[in-house]
Amino acid sequence: MTEVPAPAGTNVDMGKLLVVVGLLIAAIGAAIMLGLPLGRLPGDLVIRRGHTTLYLPLVTSLVLSLVLSLVFALLRR
């Protein structure tokens, strides 16, 4: 059985993507450690009833989605 070779540049592209994702995770972690209120933005809902807490990070999700969309749009160029 013969193996079909991967298209040229695929491994390089995957490597670049992994590096960028790793740097993004590190940057988000550093921002949180420095006091960025990620997860506690106005518009994030916390509902407490008795012994149950429901947390809905609506604005945080929107901000992260916007930032990641911009980053990946710039990487596609």
Protein backbone atom coordinates (compact mmCIF):
# COMPACT_ATOMS: atom_id res chain seq x y z
CA MET A 1 0.00 0.00 0.00
CA THR A 2 1.45 3.37 -0.97
CA GLU A 3 1.00 6.52 1.06
CA VAL A 4 -0.35 9.65 -0.53
CA PRO A 5 1.98 12.58 0.25
CA ALA A 6 0.55 15.64 1.96
CA PRO A 7 0.34 18.82 -0.12
CA ALA A 8 3.49 20.92 -0.05
CA GLY A 9 3.64 23.37 2.84
CA THR A 10 0.96 21.68 4.94
CA ASN A 11 3.30 20.88 7.82
CA VAL A 12 4.75 24.38 7.77
CA ASP A 13 1.28 25.94 7.83
CA MET A 14 0.22 23.71 10.73
CA GLY A 15 3.38 24.60 12.61
CA LYS A 16 2.73 28.32 12.17
CA LEU A 17 -0.86 27.90 13.31
CA LEU A 18 0.21 26.02 16.44
CA VAL A 19 2.78 28.70 17.29
CA VAL A 20 0.20 31.48 16.88
CA VAL A 21 -2.41 29.65 18.96
CA GLY A 22 0.18 29.01 21.68
CA LEU A 23 1.19 32.68 21.73
CA LEU A 24 -2.47 33.73 21.94
CA ILE A 25 -3.07 31.44 24.89
CA ALA A 26 0.06 32.76 26.60
CA ALA A 27 -0.98 36.38 25.94
CA ILE A 28 -4.47 35.79 27.35
CA GLY A 29 -2.98 34.11 30.41
CA ALA A 30 -0.57 37.00 30.96
CA ALA A 31 -3.38 39.55 30.57
CA ILE A 32 -5.48 37.74 33.15
CA MET A 33 -2.52 37.56 35.55
CA LEU A 34 -1.96 41.31 35.12
CA GLY A 35 -5.55 42.05 36.09
CA LEU A 36 -7.58 42.17 32.87
CA PRO A 37 -11.14 41.52 34.05
CA LEU A 38 -11.75 38.83 31.44
CA GLY A 39 -14.79 36.92 32.66
CA ARG A 40 -16.00 39.79 34.82
CA LEU A 41 -16.98 42.30 32.16
CA PRO A 42 -20.18 44.34 32.37
CA GLY A 43 -22.86 42.24 30.69
CA ASP A 44 -21.61 38.91 32.03
CA LEU A 45 -24.50 37.45 33.99
CA VAL A 46 -24.22 35.70 37.35
CA ILE A 47 -27.41 34.22 38.82
CA ARG A 48 -27.26 32.88 42.37
CA ARG A 49 -30.18 30.92 43.80
CA GLY A 50 -29.57 29.10 47.05
CA HIS A 51 -26.65 26.71 46.59
CA THR A 52 -26.65 27.04 42.79
CA THR A 53 -24.75 29.57 40.71
CA LEU A 54 -25.29 30.04 36.98
CA TYR A 55 -22.60 32.01 35.17
CA LEU A 56 -23.22 33.30 31.62
CA PRO A 57 -20.18 35.18 30.22
CA LEU A 58 -22.04 36.83 27.34
CA VAL A 59 -19.87 39.91 26.79
CA THR A 60 -16.64 38.00 27.41
CA SER A 61 -17.69 35.51 24.73
CA LEU A 62 -18.44 38.29 22.27
CA VAL A 63 -15.12 40.03 22.92
CA LEU A 64 -13.13 36.80 22.54
CA SER A 65 -15.02 35.94 19.35
CA LEU A 66 -14.29 39.36 17.86
CA VAL A 67 -10.59 39.25 18.78
CA LEU A 68 -10.10 35.71 17.47
CA SER A 69 -11.98 36.54 14.25
CA LEU A 70 -9.70 39.52 13.65
CA VAL A 71 -6.56 37.52 14.39
CA PHE A 72 -7.51 34.67 12.07
CA ALA A 73 -8.60 37.11 9.32
CA LEU A 74 -5.16 38.73 9.52
CA LEU A 75 -3.45 35.33 9.44
CA ARG A 76 -5.32 34.36 6.27
CA ARG A 77 -3.76 37.25 4.34
